[in-house]
Amino acid sequence: MSITSIDSYRRLCNHQQTVLRELLQNPSQFEQGMRLFFTQHAMLHSAQVAEPPTWSFEDAVLAGVTEEQYRVILKGQEHTIAWLLWHMARCEDITMNLLVAGTSQVLLQDDWLKKLGVNVVDTGNAMNQEEILRFSEQIDIPALREYRLAVGKRTRHIAQGLTAVDLTRKIEPTRMELVWQQGAIVEESRSIADYWSKRDVKGLLLMPASRHLLTHLNEVLEIKKALG
C-alpha cells in the first residue's frame, strides 16, 4: 500500500474519532458508539486483534520497516518506532486493566518482560533520547508487536463487558494507587496519572485506547516517510 493510500485511511480514522467522541457522550447511542469503538480499535492494532481480521492501519504503517529502523531516532524526530509501540501498549495496558477493569496488567503475566528482554515497566515518558535509544536496542521487536497485540485483545474483552452506565464511571482512587504501586507511572510523568485520574471510562476509551493510538501511529507514519 502506498503512503498516499495510508494517508487517506488516516484521514478516515481522524474523522471516525470525532464521530466516536460524540456517540460515546450520548447514552442513547451507546451501542452505535461501541460498534465504532471496536472498528477504530481494530484499525489501530494489527489485523489479528479482531475476529475476523480486518484492515489494519498499524500493519500498513509498519509494512517494510526493518528491525534496525525500529530502533533509530531520525533527525527532527523525538522517538524510535520501538519506543512508540511500547508507549502505546503500556498506556493501553495500564488504563484498561488497572483502571477500567481492575484486573492485572498484561505485561505482568505470561513472562512478557522476559520475552521482551527489558526490565522497564512504566510508560517511558520520562526517558531522554539516550535512554530511548538504549531501550530500543534492547527490546525484542517481534515480542513487542505480540505484546501490543495481546494488550489489544484484552482491551476488546474488557470493552465487550461494558454498559452505558459503565461509561460514566469515574476512576476509583484505589485503582489509581495500584498504578503507582506497580511502577506503571514514574514521578516525572505525574501529569499523565493526573489526567487519567480525572477521566471516566468513556474518556479512557477515547484516550488512550483509541485517539492516543492514532496520534502515535501518525508519528510512526511520519518516521516511515522520513526513512524513505
C-alpha atoms as a PDB file:
ATOM      1  CA  MET A   1       0.000   0.000   0.000  1.00  0.00           C
ATOM      2  CA  SER A   2       1.354   3.430  -0.933  1.00  0.00           C
ATOM      3  CA  ILE A   3       1.938   6.263   1.520  1.00  0.00           C
ATOM      4  CA  THR A   4      -0.827   8.188  -0.290  1.00  0.00           C
ATOM      5  CA  SER A   5      -3.324   5.382   0.365  1.00  0.00           C
ATOM      6  CA  ILE A   6      -2.264   5.170   4.007  1.00  0.00           C
ATOM      7  CA  ASP A   7      -2.781   8.921   4.334  1.00  0.00           C
ATOM      8  CA  SER A   8      -6.356   8.578   3.062  1.00  0.00           C
ATOM      9  CA  TYR A   9      -7.056   5.934   5.694  1.00  0.00           C
ATOM     10  CA  ARG A  10      -5.502   8.183   8.317  1.00  0.00           C
ATOM     11  CA  ARG A  11      -7.968  10.922   7.399  1.00  0.00           C
ATOM     12  CA  LEU A  12     -10.796   8.389   7.760  1.00  0.00           C
ATOM     13  CA  CYS A  13      -9.526   7.407  11.218  1.00  0.00           C
ATOM     14  CA  ASN A  14      -9.374  11.060  12.254  1.00  0.00           C
ATOM     15  CA  HIS A  15     -12.948  11.630  11.109  1.00  0.00           C
ATOM     16  CA  GLN A  16     -14.201   8.496  12.869  1.00  0.00           C
ATOM     17  CA  GLN A  17     -12.552   9.591  16.083  1.00  0.00           C
ATOM     18  CA  THR A  18     -14.565  12.816  16.055  1.00  0.00           C
ATOM     19  CA  VAL A  19     -17.781  10.862  15.496  1.00  0.00           C
ATOM     20  CA  LEU A  20     -16.847   8.361  18.214  1.00  0.00           C
ATOM     21  CA  ARG A  21     -16.407  11.093  20.802  1.00  0.00           C
ATOM     22  CA  GLU A  22     -19.896  12.427  20.015  1.00  0.00           C
ATOM     23  CA  LEU A  23     -21.528   8.988  20.163  1.00  0.00           C
ATOM     24  CA  LEU A  24     -19.970   7.972  23.473  1.00  0.00           C
ATOM     25  CA  GLN A  25     -21.224  11.186  25.051  1.00  0.00           C
ATOM     26  CA  ASN A  26     -24.826  10.152  24.347  1.00  0.00           C
ATOM     27  CA  PRO A  27     -26.149   7.163  26.385  1.00  0.00           C
ATOM     28  CA  SER A  28     -28.932   6.583  23.848  1.00  0.00           C
ATOM     29  CA  GLN A  29     -26.268   5.903  21.200  1.00  0.00           C
ATOM     30  CA  PHE A  30     -24.204   3.539  23.345  1.00  0.00           C
ATOM     31  CA  GLU A  31     -24.431   0.513  21.026  1.00  0.00           C
ATOM     32  CA  GLN A  32     -23.586   2.556  17.929  1.00  0.00           C
ATOM     33  CA  GLY A  33     -20.721   4.212  19.771  1.00  0.00           C
ATOM     34  CA  MET A  34     -19.245   0.925  20.942  1.00  0.00           C
ATOM     35  CA  ARG A  35     -19.500  -0.571  17.451  1.00  0.00           C
ATOM     36  CA  LEU A  36     -17.482   2.348  16.143  1.00  0.00           C
ATOM     37  CA  PHE A  37     -15.002   1.995  19.009  1.00  0.00           C
ATOM     38  CA  PHE A  38     -14.367  -1.648  18.085  1.00  0.00           C
ATOM     39  CA  THR A  39     -13.955  -0.685  14.422  1.00  0.00           C
ATOM     40  CA  GLN A  40     -11.485   2.087  15.275  1.00  0.00           C
ATOM     41  CA  HIS A  41      -9.624  -0.032  17.782  1.00  0.00           C
ATOM     42  CA  ALA A  42      -9.186  -2.867  15.277  1.00  0.00           C
ATOM     43  CA  MET A  43      -7.763  -0.492  12.674  1.00  0.00           C
ATOM     44  CA  LEU A  44      -5.260   0.850  15.203  1.00  0.00           C
ATOM     45  CA  HIS A  45      -3.851  -2.586  16.088  1.00  0.00           C
ATOM     46  CA  SER A  46      -2.538  -5.394  13.909  1.00  0.00           C
ATOM     47  CA  ALA A  47      -5.165  -7.251  11.908  1.00  0.00           C
ATOM     48  CA  GLN A  48      -5.191 -10.265  14.249  1.00  0.00           C
ATOM     49  CA  VAL A  49      -6.682  -8.244  17.098  1.00  0.00           C
ATOM     50  CA  ALA A  50     -10.191  -8.681  15.680  1.00  0.00           C
ATOM     51  CA  GLU A  51     -12.142 -11.738  14.602  1.00  0.00           C
ATOM     52  CA  PRO A  52     -12.384 -11.933  11.672  1.00  0.00           C
ATOM     53  CA  PRO A  53      -9.176  -9.971  10.946  1.00  0.00           C
ATOM     54  CA  THR A  54      -9.755  -6.534   9.432  1.00  0.00           C
ATOM     55  CA  TRP A  55      -7.714  -3.898   7.604  1.00  0.00           C
ATOM     56  CA  SER A  56      -5.041  -2.523   9.923  1.00  0.00           C
ATOM     57  CA  PHE A  57      -3.563   0.976   9.910  1.00  0.00           C
ATOM     58  CA  GLU A  58      -0.763  -0.364  12.126  1.00  0.00           C
ATOM     59  CA  ASP A  59       0.121  -3.165   9.709  1.00  0.00           C
ATOM     60  CA  ALA A  60       0.074  -0.770   6.754  1.00  0.00           C
ATOM     61  CA  VAL A  61       2.299   1.743   8.513  1.00  0.00           C
ATOM     62  CA  LEU A  62       4.820  -0.862   9.701  1.00  0.00           C
ATOM     63  CA  ALA A  63       4.962  -2.858   6.445  1.00  0.00           C
ATOM     64  CA  GLY A  64       8.532  -2.975   5.170  1.00  0.00           C
ATOM     65  CA  VAL A  65      10.109  -1.378   8.255  1.00  0.00           C
ATOM     66  CA  THR A  66      13.265  -3.260   9.270  1.00  0.00           C
ATOM     67  CA  GLU A  67      14.270  -4.073  12.834  1.00  0.00           C
ATOM     68  CA  GLU A  68      17.136  -1.604  12.529  1.00  0.00           C
ATOM     69  CA  GLN A  69      14.671   1.124  11.533  1.00  0.00           C
ATOM     70  CA  TYR A  70      12.524   0.377  14.593  1.00  0.00           C
ATOM     71  CA  ARG A  71      15.494   1.325  16.768  1.00  0.00           C
ATOM     72  CA  VAL A  72      16.721   4.664  15.358  1.00  0.00           C
ATOM     73  CA  ILE A  73      15.844   8.289  16.079  1.00  0.00           C
ATOM     74  CA  LEU A  74      15.953  10.291  12.871  1.00  0.00           C
ATOM     75  CA  LYS A  75      16.951  13.931  12.699  1.00  0.00           C
ATOM     76  CA  GLY A  76      13.960  16.078  13.594  1.00  0.00           C
ATOM     77  CA  GLN A  77      12.213  13.201  15.416  1.00  0.00           C
ATOM     78  CA  GLU A  78      11.928  12.590  19.165  1.00  0.00           C
ATOM     79  CA  HIS A  79      11.278   8.851  19.388  1.00  0.00           C
ATOM     80  CA  THR A  80      12.048   5.491  17.881  1.00  0.00           C
ATOM     81  CA  ILE A  81       9.290   3.371  16.395  1.00  0.00           C
ATOM     82  CA  ALA A  82      10.035   0.739  19.054  1.00  0.00           C
ATOM     83  CA  TRP A  83       9.534   3.280  21.844  1.00  0.00           C
ATOM     84  CA  LEU A  84       6.264   4.498  20.302  1.00  0.00           C
ATOM     85  CA  LEU A  85       4.835   0.966  20.151  1.00  0.00           C
ATOM     86  CA  TRP A  86       5.909   0.356  23.747  1.00  0.00           C
ATOM     87  CA  HIS A  87       4.389   3.627  24.948  1.00  0.00           C
ATOM     88  CA  MET A  88       1.089   2.940  23.186  1.00  0.00           C
ATOM     89  CA  ALA A  89       0.902  -0.591  24.558  1.00  0.00           C
ATOM     90  CA  ARG A  90       1.797   0.411  28.102  1.00  0.00           C
ATOM     91  CA  CYS A  91      -0.719   3.252  28.295  1.00  0.00           C
ATOM     92  CA  GLU A  92      -3.487   0.994  26.983  1.00  0.00           C
ATOM     93  CA  ASP A  93      -2.486  -1.930  29.222  1.00  0.00           C
ATOM     94  CA  ILE A  94      -2.357   0.207  32.371  1.00  0.00           C
ATOM     95  CA  THR A  95      -5.591   2.119  31.839  1.00  0.00           C
ATOM     96  CA  MET A  96      -7.787  -0.662  30.512  1.00  0.00           C
ATOM     97  CA  ASN A  97      -6.701  -3.264  33.050  1.00  0.00           C
ATOM     98  CA  LEU A  98      -5.792  -1.459  36.256  1.00  0.00           C
ATOM     99  CA  LEU A  99      -8.184   1.484  35.928  1.00  0.00           C
ATOM    100  CA  VAL A 100     -11.189   0.298  33.913  1.00  0.00           C
ATOM    101  CA  ALA A 101     -11.390  -3.422  34.707  1.00  0.00           C
ATOM    102  CA  GLY A 102      -9.492  -3.610  37.996  1.00  0.00           C
ATOM    103  CA  THR A 103      -7.525  -6.589  36.690  1.00  0.00           C
ATOM    104  CA  SER A 104      -3.832  -7.420  36.353  1.00  0.00           C
ATOM    105  CA  GLN A 105      -1.760  -5.841  33.610  1.00  0.00           C
ATOM    106  CA  VAL A 106      -0.950  -7.997  30.589  1.00  0.00           C
ATOM    107  CA  LEU A 107       2.739  -7.079  30.986  1.00  0.00           C
ATOM    108  CA  LEU A 108       2.968  -8.779  34.374  1.00  0.00           C
ATOM    109  CA  GLN A 109       1.588 -12.083  33.098  1.00  0.00           C
ATOM    110  CA  ASP A 110       2.933 -14.871  30.880  1.00  0.00           C
ATOM    111  CA  ASP A 111       6.613 -13.850  31.202  1.00  0.00           C
ATOM    112  CA  TRP A 112       6.187 -10.835  28.920  1.00  0.00           C
ATOM    113  CA  LEU A 113       9.128  -8.942  30.413  1.00  0.00           C
ATOM    114  CA  LYS A 114      11.388 -11.937  29.752  1.00  0.00           C
ATOM    115  CA  LYS A 115      10.080 -12.270  26.196  1.00  0.00           C
ATOM    116  CA  LEU A 116      10.591  -8.555  25.582  1.00  0.00           C
ATOM    117  CA  GLY A 117      14.092  -8.575  27.055  1.00  0.00           C
ATOM    118  CA  VAL A 118      13.603  -5.420  29.147  1.00  0.00           C
ATOM    119  CA  ASN A 119      13.031  -4.588  32.797  1.00  0.00           C
ATOM    120  CA  VAL A 120      11.192  -1.293  32.260  1.00  0.00           C
ATOM    121  CA  VAL A 121       7.536  -1.333  33.334  1.00  0.00           C
ATOM    122  CA  ASP A 122       6.451   2.312  33.040  1.00  0.00           C
ATOM    123  CA  THR A 123       5.157   4.215  30.009  1.00  0.00           C
ATOM    124  CA  GLY A 124       8.568   5.569  29.043  1.00  0.00           C
ATOM    125  CA  ASN A 125       7.548   9.231  29.167  1.00  0.00           C
ATOM    126  CA  ALA A 126      10.450  10.212  31.404  1.00  0.00           C
ATOM    127  CA  MET A 127      13.137   8.727  29.126  1.00  0.00           C
ATOM    128  CA  ASN A 128      15.577  11.061  27.416  1.00  0.00           C
ATOM    129  CA  GLN A 129      16.823  10.314  23.897  1.00  0.00           C
ATOM    130  CA  GLU A 130      19.832   8.352  25.105  1.00  0.00           C
ATOM    131  CA  GLU A 131      17.584   6.188  27.280  1.00  0.00           C
ATOM    132  CA  ILE A 132      15.103   5.727  24.434  1.00  0.00           C
ATOM    133  CA  LEU A 133      17.882   4.542  22.128  1.00  0.00           C
ATOM    134  CA  ARG A 134      19.287   2.145  24.732  1.00  0.00           C
ATOM    135  CA  PHE A 135      15.810   0.774  25.465  1.00  0.00           C
ATOM    136  CA  SER A 136      15.099   0.386  21.733  1.00  0.00           C
ATOM    137  CA  GLU A 137      18.315  -1.551  21.213  1.00  0.00           C
ATOM    138  CA  GLN A 138      17.409  -3.987  23.979  1.00  0.00           C
ATOM    139  CA  ILE A 139      13.778  -4.764  23.252  1.00  0.00           C
ATOM    140  CA  ASP A 140      12.783  -7.756  21.129  1.00  0.00           C
ATOM    141  CA  ILE A 141      10.798  -6.292  18.221  1.00  0.00           C
ATOM    142  CA  PRO A 142       8.629  -9.335  17.309  1.00  0.00           C
ATOM    143  CA  ALA A 143       7.794  -9.764  21.014  1.00  0.00           C
ATOM    144  CA  LEU A 144       6.924  -6.076  21.242  1.00  0.00           C
ATOM    145  CA  ARG A 145       4.374  -6.393  18.467  1.00  0.00           C
ATOM    146  CA  GLU A 146       2.974  -9.546  20.069  1.00  0.00           C
ATOM    147  CA  TYR A 147       2.684  -7.777  23.417  1.00  0.00           C
ATOM    148  CA  ARG A 148       0.818  -4.886  21.851  1.00  0.00           C
ATOM    149  CA  LEU A 149      -1.500  -7.393  20.144  1.00  0.00           C
ATOM    150  CA  ALA A 150      -2.144  -9.150  23.474  1.00  0.00           C
ATOM    151  CA  VAL A 151      -2.982  -5.804  25.071  1.00  0.00           C
ATOM    152  CA  GLY A 152      -5.388  -5.002  22.251  1.00  0.00           C
ATOM    153  CA  LYS A 153      -7.177  -8.333  22.591  1.00  0.00           C
ATOM    154  CA  ARG A 154      -7.553  -7.821  26.341  1.00  0.00           C
ATOM    155  CA  THR A 155      -8.988  -4.341  25.760  1.00  0.00           C
ATOM    156  CA  ARG A 156     -11.618  -5.742  23.432  1.00  0.00           C
ATOM    157  CA  HIS A 157     -12.568  -8.373  26.001  1.00  0.00           C
ATOM    158  CA  ILE A 158     -12.945  -5.681  28.667  1.00  0.00           C
ATOM    159  CA  ALA A 159     -14.902  -3.320  26.393  1.00  0.00           C
ATOM    160  CA  GLN A 160     -17.335  -6.069  25.396  1.00  0.00           C
ATOM    161  CA  GLY A 161     -18.483  -6.243  29.019  1.00  0.00           C
ATOM    162  CA  LEU A 162     -19.147  -2.522  29.422  1.00  0.00           C
ATOM    163  CA  THR A 163     -22.598  -0.969  29.720  1.00  0.00           C
ATOM    164  CA  ALA A 164     -23.822   2.567  29.066  1.00  0.00           C
ATOM    165  CA  VAL A 165     -23.724   3.195  32.819  1.00  0.00           C
ATOM    166  CA  ASP A 166     -20.108   1.966  32.990  1.00  0.00           C
ATOM    167  CA  LEU A 167     -19.010   4.648  30.542  1.00  0.00           C
ATOM    168  CA  THR A 168     -19.808   7.394  33.054  1.00  0.00           C
ATOM    169  CA  ARG A 169     -18.000   5.664  35.927  1.00  0.00           C
ATOM    170  CA  LYS A 170     -15.160   7.705  37.398  1.00  0.00           C
ATOM    171  CA  ILE A 171     -11.807   6.077  38.092  1.00  0.00           C
ATOM    172  CA  GLU A 172     -11.562   4.773  41.639  1.00  0.00           C
ATOM    173  CA  PRO A 173      -8.673   6.268  43.680  1.00  0.00           C
ATOM    174  CA  THR A 174      -7.713   2.791  44.932  1.00  0.00           C
ATOM    175  CA  ARG A 175      -7.144   1.673  41.349  1.00  0.00           C
ATOM    176  CA  MET A 176      -5.033   4.745  40.679  1.00  0.00           C
ATOM    177  CA  GLU A 177      -2.922   3.813  43.691  1.00  0.00           C
ATOM    178  CA  LEU A 178      -2.132   0.477  42.042  1.00  0.00           C
ATOM    179  CA  VAL A 179      -0.668   2.339  39.084  1.00  0.00           C
ATOM    180  CA  TRP A 180       1.868   3.946  41.419  1.00  0.00           C
ATOM    181  CA  GLN A 181       2.492   0.821  43.470  1.00  0.00           C
ATOM    182  CA  GLN A 182       3.289  -1.233  40.375  1.00  0.00           C
ATOM    183  CA  GLY A 183       5.636   1.394  38.930  1.00  0.00           C
ATOM    184  CA  ALA A 184       3.479   1.844  35.838  1.00  0.00           C
ATOM    185  CA  ILE A 185       3.974   5.618  36.138  1.00  0.00           C
ATOM    186  CA  VAL A 186       7.088   7.362  37.441  1.00  0.00           C
ATOM    187  CA  GLU A 187       7.088  10.641  39.339  1.00  0.00           C
ATOM    188  CA  GLU A 188       8.419  12.560  36.334  1.00  0.00           C
ATOM    189  CA  SER A 189       5.254  11.534  34.454  1.00  0.00           C
ATOM    190  CA  ARG A 190       2.794  12.525  37.179  1.00  0.00           C
ATOM    191  CA  SER A 191       0.824  14.696  34.751  1.00  0.00           C
ATOM    192  CA  ILE A 192      -0.299  11.541  32.911  1.00  0.00           C
ATOM    193  CA  ALA A 193      -1.535   9.974  36.133  1.00  0.00           C
ATOM    194  CA  ASP A 194      -3.334  13.209  36.995  1.00  0.00           C
ATOM    195  CA  TYR A 195      -5.011  13.180  33.587  1.00  0.00           C
ATOM    196  CA  TRP A 196      -6.126   9.545  33.883  1.00  0.00           C
ATOM    197  CA  SER A 197      -7.441  10.033  37.422  1.00  0.00           C
ATOM    198  CA  LYS A 198      -9.850  12.738  36.207  1.00  0.00           C
ATOM    199  CA  ARG A 199     -11.335  10.681  33.368  1.00  0.00           C
ATOM    200  CA  ASP A 200     -14.358   8.424  33.334  1.00  0.00           C
ATOM    201  CA  VAL A 201     -14.402   5.115  31.454  1.00  0.00           C
ATOM    202  CA  LYS A 202     -15.504   6.647  28.157  1.00  0.00           C
ATOM    203  CA  GLY A 203     -12.682   9.164  28.495  1.00  0.00           C
ATOM    204  CA  LEU A 204     -10.155   6.338  28.727  1.00  0.00           C
ATOM    205  CA  LEU A 205     -11.715   4.533  25.756  1.00  0.00           C
ATOM    206  CA  LEU A 206     -11.016   7.684  23.786  1.00  0.00           C
ATOM    207  CA  MET A 207      -7.632   8.446  25.311  1.00  0.00           C
ATOM    208  CA  PRO A 208      -5.595   6.250  25.364  1.00  0.00           C
ATOM    209  CA  ALA A 209      -7.479   3.275  23.866  1.00  0.00           C
ATOM    210  CA  SER A 210      -8.190   4.922  20.511  1.00  0.00           C
ATOM    211  CA  ARG A 211      -7.162   8.565  19.968  1.00  0.00           C
ATOM    212  CA  HIS A 212      -3.781   8.057  21.635  1.00  0.00           C
ATOM    213  CA  LEU A 213      -3.055   5.091  19.358  1.00  0.00           C
ATOM    214  CA  LEU A 214      -3.964   7.112  16.273  1.00  0.00           C
ATOM    215  CA  THR A 215      -1.789  10.039  17.368  1.00  0.00           C
ATOM    216  CA  HIS A 216       1.310   7.907  17.788  1.00  0.00           C
ATOM    217  CA  LEU A 217       0.734   5.754  14.708  1.00  0.00           C
ATOM    218  CA  ASN A 218       0.613   9.050  12.816  1.00  0.00           C
ATOM    219  CA  GLU A 219       4.034   9.768  14.337  1.00  0.00           C
ATOM    220  CA  VAL A 220       5.261   6.351  13.181  1.00  0.00           C
ATOM    221  CA  LEU A 221       3.999   7.167   9.690  1.00  0.00           C
ATOM    222  CA  GLU A 222       5.983  10.411   9.657  1.00  0.00           C
ATOM    223  CA  ILE A 223       9.113   8.468  10.654  1.00  0.00           C
ATOM    224  CA  LYS A 224       8.444   5.963   7.862  1.00  0.00           C
ATOM    225  CA  LYS A 225       8.133   8.798   5.360  1.00  0.00           C
ATOM    226  CA  ALA A 226      11.445  10.223   6.578  1.00  0.00           C
ATOM    227  CA  LEU A 227      13.025   6.788   6.183  1.00  0.00           C
ATOM    228  CA  GLY A 228      12.009   6.872   2.536  1.00  0.00           C
END
